Protein backbone atom coordinates (compact mmCIF):
# COMPACT_ATOMS: atom_id res chain seq x y z
CA MET A 1 13.93 96.68 -33.60
CA SER A 2 17.59 95.91 -34.28
CA ILE A 3 18.78 93.15 -36.58
CA MET A 4 20.44 91.28 -33.73
CA ARG A 5 17.21 91.32 -31.70
CA ARG A 6 15.21 89.97 -34.63
CA MET A 7 17.79 87.27 -35.25
CA SER A 8 17.63 86.33 -31.58
CA ASP A 9 13.83 86.13 -31.68
CA VAL A 10 13.87 83.99 -34.83
CA PHE A 11 16.47 81.68 -33.33
CA GLN A 12 14.41 81.30 -30.16
CA GLN A 13 11.29 80.55 -32.22
CA LYS A 14 13.06 77.85 -34.23
CA VAL A 15 14.61 76.29 -31.15
CA SER A 16 11.29 76.38 -29.30
CA LYS A 17 9.54 74.65 -32.20
CA VAL A 18 12.21 71.95 -32.34
CA LEU A 19 12.01 71.44 -28.59
CA ASP A 20 8.20 71.17 -28.76
CA ARG A 21 8.49 68.36 -31.29
CA ALA A 22 11.20 66.63 -29.27
CA GLU A 23 9.47 66.96 -25.91
CA ASP A 24 7.63 63.88 -24.68
CA PRO A 25 4.80 64.58 -22.20
CA VAL A 26 5.40 61.27 -20.41
CA GLU A 27 9.07 62.05 -19.97
CA ALA A 28 8.18 65.60 -18.89
CA ILE A 29 5.83 64.23 -16.21
CA ASP A 30 8.50 61.83 -14.96
CA LEU A 31 11.03 64.67 -14.90
CA SER A 32 8.65 66.88 -12.89
CA TYR A 33 8.18 64.09 -10.37
CA GLN A 34 11.92 63.60 -10.18
CA LYS A 35 12.47 67.32 -9.56
CA GLN A 36 9.86 67.32 -6.80
CA LEU A 37 11.62 64.39 -5.14
CA GLU A 38 14.89 66.25 -5.41
CA ALA A 39 13.29 69.36 -3.86
CA LEU A 40 11.94 67.25 -1.00
CA GLN A 41 15.37 65.77 -0.41
CA GLN A 42 16.88 69.25 -0.48
CA VAL A 43 14.40 70.45 2.16
CA ARG A 44 15.19 67.44 4.31
CA ARG A 45 18.91 68.13 3.98
CA SER A 46 18.28 71.75 4.97
CA VAL A 47 16.39 70.61 8.06
CA ALA A 48 19.29 68.35 8.98
CA GLU A 49 21.81 71.17 8.48
CA VAL A 50 19.76 73.59 10.61
CA LEU A 51 19.42 70.99 13.30
CA THR A 52 23.14 70.35 13.16
CA SER A 53 23.88 74.05 13.57
CA GLU A 54 21.41 74.21 16.44
CA LYS A 55 23.13 71.33 18.22
CA ARG A 56 26.50 72.94 17.69
CA LEU A 57 25.26 76.20 19.25
CA GLU A 58 23.78 74.29 22.16
CA MET A 59 27.13 72.63 22.73
CA GLN A 60 28.84 76.03 22.71
CA ALA A 61 26.25 77.34 25.18
CA ALA A 62 26.89 74.39 27.44
CA GLN A 63 30.61 75.10 27.31
CA LEU A 64 29.99 78.76 28.19
CA GLN A 65 27.80 77.76 31.10
CA GLN A 66 30.54 75.46 32.39
CA SER A 67 33.11 78.23 31.97
CA GLN A 68 30.85 80.70 33.76
CA THR A 69 30.32 78.31 36.66
CA LYS A 70 34.08 77.80 36.92
CA LEU A 71 34.74 81.59 36.91
CA GLN A 72 32.16 82.10 39.65
CA GLY A 73 33.97 79.49 41.78
CA GLN A 74 37.32 81.15 41.09
CA ALA A 75 35.95 84.53 42.18
CA ARG A 76 34.72 83.13 45.50
CA LEU A 77 38.04 81.37 46.09
CA ALA A 78 39.99 84.58 45.33
CA LEU A 79 37.87 86.57 47.82
CA GLN A 80 38.46 83.92 50.41
CA GLN A 81 42.19 84.29 49.85
CA GLY A 82 41.99 88.05 49.94
CA ARG A 83 42.72 88.43 46.27
CA GLU A 84 40.07 90.90 45.32
CA ASP A 85 41.74 91.66 41.99
CA LEU A 86 41.57 88.03 40.91
CA ALA A 87 37.99 87.85 42.08
CA LYS A 88 37.15 90.91 40.00
CA LEU A 89 38.91 89.47 36.93
CA ALA A 90 37.03 86.20 37.29
CA LEU A 91 33.70 87.99 37.59
CA THR A 92 34.52 90.14 34.55
CA ARG A 93 35.20 87.03 32.49
CA SER A 94 32.04 85.43 33.87
CA GLN A 95 30.02 88.45 32.74
CA THR A 96 31.55 88.24 29.26
CA ALA A 97 30.65 84.54 29.11
CA GLN A 98 27.10 85.39 30.18
CA SER A 99 26.81 87.90 27.34
CA GLN A 100 28.01 85.28 24.85
CA LEU A 101 25.63 82.77 26.35
CA ASP A 102 22.69 85.11 25.90
CA GLY A 103 23.66 85.60 22.26
CA LEU A 104 23.89 81.88 21.71
CA GLN A 105 20.48 81.37 23.27
CA GLN A 106 18.97 83.80 20.78
CA GLN A 107 20.68 82.02 17.88
CA ILE A 108 19.53 78.67 19.19
CA GLN A 109 15.97 79.93 19.35
CA GLN A 110 16.22 81.24 15.79
CA MET A 111 17.56 77.88 14.67
CA LYS A 112 14.64 76.12 16.29
CA ASP A 113 12.17 78.45 14.57
CA GLN A 114 13.89 77.83 11.24
CA GLU A 115 13.85 74.13 11.89
CA GLN A 116 10.11 74.18 12.52
CA LYS A 117 9.50 76.11 9.32
CA LEU A 118 11.61 73.72 7.32
CA GLU A 119 9.88 70.71 8.82
CA LEU A 120 6.48 72.23 7.98
CA THR A 121 7.69 72.92 4.46
CA ALA A 122 8.96 69.36 4.17
CA GLN A 123 5.61 67.99 5.28
CA LYS A 124 3.73 70.09 2.74
CA LEU A 125 6.14 69.12 -0.01
CA GLN A 126 5.87 65.47 1.00
CA ALA A 127 2.07 65.64 0.68
CA LYS A 128 2.41 67.36 -2.68
CA VAL A 129 4.82 64.71 -3.93
CA GLU A 130 2.48 61.93 -2.82
CA SER A 131 -0.42 63.62 -4.59
CA PHE A 132 1.59 64.16 -7.74
CA ARG A 133 2.72 60.54 -7.70
CA THR A 134 -0.90 59.39 -8.15
CA GLN A 135 -1.63 62.21 -10.56
CA ARG A 136 1.45 61.30 -12.58
CA GLU A 137 0.13 57.82 -13.33
CA THR A 138 -3.28 59.26 -14.25
CA LEU A 139 -1.71 61.83 -16.58
CA LYS A 140 0.47 59.22 -18.23
CA ALA A 141 -2.53 56.94 -18.77
CA GLN A 142 -4.57 59.81 -20.19
CA TYR A 143 -1.75 60.79 -22.53
CA SER A 144 -1.27 57.20 -23.70
CA ALA A 145 -5.01 56.86 -24.37
CA ALA A 146 -5.13 60.18 -26.20
CA GLN A 147 -2.05 59.26 -28.22
CA ALA A 148 -3.52 55.89 -29.21
CA SER A 149 -6.86 57.49 -30.10
CA THR A 150 -5.09 60.10 -32.20
CA LYS A 151 -3.07 57.50 -34.08
CA ILE A 152 -6.17 55.42 -34.77
CA GLY A 153 -8.09 58.49 -35.93
CA GLU A 154 -5.25 59.56 -38.20
CA ALA A 155 -4.99 56.05 -39.64
CA VAL A 156 -8.74 55.86 -40.31
CA THR A 157 -9.02 59.32 -41.81
CA GLY A 158 -5.69 59.12 -43.66
CA LEU A 159 -4.16 62.08 -41.82
CA SER A 160 -1.08 60.21 -40.61
CA ASP A 161 2.10 60.39 -42.64
CA GLN A 162 2.13 56.66 -43.29
CA MET A 163 -1.51 56.52 -44.41
CA ALA A 164 -1.00 59.64 -46.50
CA ASP A 165 1.85 57.88 -48.32
CA VAL A 166 -0.37 54.82 -48.85
CA THR A 167 -3.19 57.00 -50.17
CA MET A 168 -0.84 58.79 -52.55
CA MET A 169 0.57 55.47 -53.82
CA THR A 170 -2.96 54.15 -54.38
CA GLU A 171 -3.96 57.26 -56.26
CA ARG A 172 -0.85 57.05 -58.43
CA ALA A 173 -1.59 53.39 -59.17
CA GLN A 174 -5.19 54.22 -60.12
CA ASP A 175 -4.01 57.04 -62.38
CA ARG A 176 -1.53 54.73 -64.08
CA ILE A 177 -4.19 52.03 -64.56
CA THR A 178 -6.58 54.57 -66.07
CA GLN A 179 -3.84 55.85 -68.35
CA MET A 180 -2.95 52.33 -69.53
CA GLN A 181 -6.62 51.49 -70.13
CA ALA A 182 -7.06 54.65 -72.19
CA ARG A 183 -3.92 53.86 -74.17
CA ALA A 184 -5.03 50.28 -74.85
CA SER A 185 -8.46 51.53 -75.99
CA ALA A 186 -6.82 54.08 -78.28
CA ILE A 187 -4.54 51.44 -79.83
CA ASP A 188 -7.48 49.09 -80.42
CA GLN A 189 -9.43 51.88 -82.09
CA LEU A 190 -6.48 52.75 -84.33
CA VAL A 191 -6.03 49.08 -85.28
CA ASP A 192 -9.74 48.66 -86.04
CA SER A 193 -9.76 51.79 -88.19
CA GLY A 194 -6.68 50.64 -90.12
CA THR A 195 -4.49 53.53 -88.96
CA LEU A 196 -2.13 51.03 -87.28
CA ASP A 197 -1.26 47.56 -88.57
CA GLN A 198 -0.73 44.60 -86.27
CA ILE A 199 2.62 42.81 -86.40
CA GLY A 200 2.41 39.66 -88.51
CA ILE A 201 -0.78 40.68 -90.35
CA SER A 202 -0.55 40.24 -94.11
CA SER A 203 -0.49 43.32 -96.29
CA GLY A 204 -3.80 44.87 -97.13
CA ASP A 205 -5.97 47.71 -96.03
CA ASP A 206 -8.75 47.74 -93.48
CA ILE A 207 -11.44 47.07 -96.12
CA ASP A 208 -9.80 43.77 -97.10
CA ARG A 209 -9.64 42.74 -93.45
CA GLN A 210 -13.31 43.57 -92.87
CA LEU A 211 -14.35 41.64 -95.98
CA GLN A 212 -12.25 38.65 -94.93
CA ALA A 213 -13.81 38.78 -91.45
CA LYS A 214 -17.30 38.75 -93.04
CA VAL A 215 -16.41 35.68 -95.11
CA THR A 216 -15.04 33.93 -92.03
CA ASP A 217 -18.19 34.70 -90.03
CA SER A 218 -20.39 33.32 -92.82
CA ALA A 219 -18.37 30.10 -92.96
CA VAL A 220 -18.60 29.69 -89.20
CA ASP A 221 -22.37 30.26 -89.24
CA SER A 222 -22.77 27.69 -92.01
CA GLN A 223 -20.78 25.07 -90.13
CA LEU A 224 -22.71 25.82 -86.95
CA ALA A 225 -26.05 25.36 -88.70
CA GLN A 226 -24.87 22.07 -90.19
CA MET A 227 -23.71 20.77 -86.79
CA ARG A 228 -27.02 21.82 -85.21
CA GLN A 229 -28.95 19.90 -87.85
CA GLU A 230 -26.77 16.81 -87.31
CA LEU A 231 -27.41 16.97 -83.56
CA LEU A 232 -31.15 17.36 -84.06
CA ALA A 233 -31.29 14.28 -86.28
CA GLY A 234 -32.15 11.41 -83.93
CA PRO A 235 -33.24 7.78 -84.54
CA ALA A 236 -35.19 7.06 -87.69
CA ALA A 237 -38.65 8.61 -87.57
CA PRO A 238 -41.44 8.85 -90.10
CA ARG A 239 -40.90 11.60 -92.60
CA LEU A 240 -43.25 14.42 -93.27
CA GLY A 241 -46.38 12.83 -94.69
CA ALA A 242 -49.23 13.84 -96.88
CA ALA A 243 -52.76 12.61 -96.24
CA ASP A 244 -55.01 11.09 -98.88
CA GLN A 245 -57.95 12.83 -100.48
CA GLY A 246 -60.20 11.95 -97.50
CA GLY A 247 -58.03 13.82 -94.97
CA ALA A 248 -58.63 17.47 -94.18
CA THR A 249 -57.32 20.17 -91.83
CA ALA A 250 -59.33 22.74 -89.97
CA ALA A 251 -58.23 25.95 -88.22
CA THR A 252 -60.66 28.25 -86.40
CA ASN A 253 -59.75 31.93 -85.49
CA GLY A 254 -56.04 31.14 -85.44
CA ALA A 255 -56.43 28.32 -82.83
CA GLN A 256 -53.63 25.87 -83.17
CA THR A 257 -55.39 22.54 -83.55
CA ALA A 258 -55.22 20.16 -86.51
CA ALA A 259 -56.92 16.96 -87.49
CA VAL A 260 -54.62 14.13 -88.45
CA ALA A 261 -55.43 12.24 -91.62
CA ALA A 262 -55.98 8.50 -91.31
CA ALA A 263 -54.18 7.49 -94.44
CA GLU A 264 -50.66 6.16 -94.48
CA ALA A 265 -47.79 8.62 -94.75
CA GLN A 266 -46.16 9.14 -98.11
CA PRO A 267 -43.06 11.20 -99.09
CA ILE A 268 -43.61 14.89 -99.57
CA GLY A 269 -44.21 15.74 -103.21
CA ALA A 270 -43.05 13.79 -106.19
CA VAL A 271 -39.42 12.99 -106.72
CA GLY A 272 -37.69 15.71 -108.73
CA GLN A 273 -40.57 18.15 -108.27
CA PRO A 274 -40.56 21.31 -106.13
CA ILE A 275 -42.21 21.07 -102.73
CA VAL A 276 -44.90 23.50 -101.65
CA VAL A 277 -45.14 23.91 -97.87
CA ARG A 278 -47.52 26.10 -95.88
CA ILE A 279 -46.70 27.29 -92.35
CA HIS A 280 -49.86 27.38 -90.27
CA GLY A 281 -51.08 30.98 -90.04
CA GLU A 282 -48.50 32.21 -92.62
CA ASP A 283 -47.82 32.07 -96.37
CA GLN A 284 -46.79 29.23 -98.65
CA PHE A 285 -43.17 28.51 -99.54
CA ARG A 286 -41.83 26.60 -102.57
CA LEU A 287 -38.71 24.52 -101.85
CA ALA A 288 -36.44 22.99 -104.47
CA ALA A 289 -36.48 19.23 -104.90
CA GLY A 290 -32.95 19.07 -103.48
CA GLU A 291 -34.20 20.41 -100.11
CA ARG A 292 -36.36 17.28 -99.64
CA THR A 293 -33.66 15.32 -97.78
CA GLU A 294 -32.92 18.12 -95.37
CA LEU A 295 -36.63 18.61 -94.67
CA ASP A 296 -37.03 14.90 -93.90
CA ALA A 297 -34.04 15.03 -91.51
CA LEU A 298 -35.55 17.95 -89.64
CA ASP A 299 -38.85 16.06 -89.44
CA GLN A 300 -37.05 13.09 -87.89
CA GLY A 301 -35.48 15.40 -85.26
CA ILE A 302 -38.93 16.70 -84.26
CA ALA A 303 -40.33 13.16 -84.03
CA ALA A 304 -37.40 12.06 -81.86
CA ALA A 305 -37.95 14.99 -79.49
CA VAL A 306 -41.65 14.17 -79.20
CA ASP A 307 -40.91 10.48 -78.53
CA GLY A 308 -38.37 11.44 -75.88
CA GLY A 309 -40.73 13.95 -74.22
CA ASP A 310 -38.08 16.70 -74.39
CA ALA A 311 -39.96 20.00 -74.70
CA ALA A 312 -36.80 22.08 -75.16
CA ALA A 313 -35.46 19.82 -77.91
CA PHE A 314 -38.89 19.80 -79.59
CA HIS A 315 -39.10 23.58 -79.63
CA THR A 316 -35.51 23.85 -80.96
CA ALA A 317 -36.17 21.31 -83.74
CA LEU A 318 -39.47 22.96 -84.73
CA VAL A 319 -37.86 26.41 -84.91
CA ALA A 320 -35.00 24.95 -86.96
CA MET A 321 -37.47 23.45 -89.47
CA LEU A 322 -39.50 26.65 -89.80
CA THR A 323 -36.31 28.69 -90.14
CA PHE A 324 -35.09 26.34 -92.84
CA VAL A 325 -38.34 26.67 -94.80
CA ARG A 326 -38.41 30.46 -94.51
CA SER A 327 -34.74 30.87 -95.48
CA HIS A 328 -34.55 28.30 -98.32
CA GLY A 329 -38.08 28.53 -99.68
CA GLU A 330 -39.62 30.98 -102.12
CA ARG A 331 -42.54 32.84 -100.64
CA LEU A 332 -45.59 32.44 -102.90
CA PRO A 333 -48.11 35.24 -103.50
CA ALA A 334 -50.95 35.29 -101.00
CA ASP A 335 -53.57 35.46 -103.75
CA GLY A 336 -52.28 32.38 -105.56
CA LEU A 337 -54.10 29.04 -105.38
CA VAL A 338 -51.43 26.35 -105.13
CA ALA A 339 -51.95 22.97 -103.50
CA SER A 340 -49.71 22.52 -100.45
CA ASP A 341 -47.72 19.30 -100.19
CA ALA A 342 -47.52 19.74 -96.40
CA VAL A 343 -48.74 22.10 -93.68
CA LEU A 344 -46.29 22.85 -90.86
CA PRO A 345 -47.41 24.00 -87.40
CA SER A 346 -46.50 27.45 -86.13
CA ASP A 347 -43.46 27.90 -83.87
CA ASP A 348 -45.60 28.38 -80.73
CA MET A 349 -46.92 24.80 -80.71
CA THR A 350 -46.37 23.01 -77.41
CA LEU A 351 -45.16 19.47 -76.85
CA ASP A 352 -48.60 18.28 -75.66
CA GLU A 353 -50.26 19.74 -78.75
CA ALA A 354 -47.69 17.99 -80.91
CA ARG A 355 -48.44 14.66 -79.21
CA GLN A 356 -52.17 15.12 -79.82
CA LEU A 357 -51.45 16.09 -83.39
CA LEU A 358 -49.22 13.07 -84.04
CA GLY A 359 -51.50 10.49 -82.48
CA ASP A 360 -50.68 7.05 -83.77
CA GLN A 361 -49.54 8.23 -87.17
CA GLY A 362 -46.18 9.60 -86.04
CA ARG A 363 -46.44 12.63 -88.37
CA VAL A 364 -45.91 16.23 -87.42
CA VAL A 365 -47.90 17.89 -90.17
CA ASP A 366 -51.30 17.24 -91.67
CA ALA A 367 -51.66 16.42 -95.32
CA ALA A 368 -52.67 19.37 -97.36
CA GLY A 369 -54.49 17.85 -100.31
CA GLY A 370 -56.84 19.90 -102.32
CA ALA A 371 -58.65 21.16 -99.19
CA THR A 372 -55.63 23.07 -97.97
CA ALA A 373 -54.62 24.53 -101.26
CA GLY A 374 -56.37 27.71 -100.56
CA ALA A 375 -55.71 27.77 -96.82
């Protein structure tokens, strides 16, 4: 294949591809209908032209017939006058006119046959145009529906150019967000490890900062505990009491019930002396004399919660007291025999049990006395 032929084929391929993209089926259908109308009009014009030619030939035939009739009359008149030569000339011309007339008749007949064919063709083309007119609307509607369905499908599946651009932008945004999140996490890790220093932070390494943060957390916890104790302290309530020598406590198989002593409540322990407290079901704890005020305040918070019937506040105050005793007290050996100044209930006591335990005395704990020393 020559170079010029290949170039021609490539050019035709490119042009055909461009024309395929530019061609609109709806416009192509309308153009086809327009061409069919033009063809129908052309057929009708052809019928009119054939008919015109036929009429013109008929007029010529009529003129020849008139001329022939005239020549026949002239021939008779010449014979009557004895002019045989003129009669012969007139008959000769009449014969020539007859020959022309026969030729015209054949042409007229051919014109009529052509006219009939053209009229039949026009009728067929007219029917085809009418059929295509209805079909054109159907095809246009089908194309519009298919085009709309295609656009919707491309939009839903992301195949359209516009949706593809949106998808690509979304993916780029997600990649950028992921990258920024990873960078922020890396910077935080470097700052926490001390590799990077924050702007405005005082000089010092990461160990100093961690130690300072520990001190700050301890101070915050201390202030929080103090505020909690202040909130738990309600109206004045009887302090933790100790029963007289006639009072006693009993506990069977870990059941949480206690008998309340009938004697009047007295302050826990002697002033200036350590306080020995037993938590029911646990060990004994020795508290310093300076912890006496705090223990009384916690006792008042429990009494206020019981008086108010607030189960949540009661449980919070009881846990705070037990936590205070465990954290500030010195755990005594289990085999030691030390008299307890007070016995505290366990942290699973309910509000109803506390009310039964308090009775009319208003105390939370039972006096220990000598009977509870070995409990």
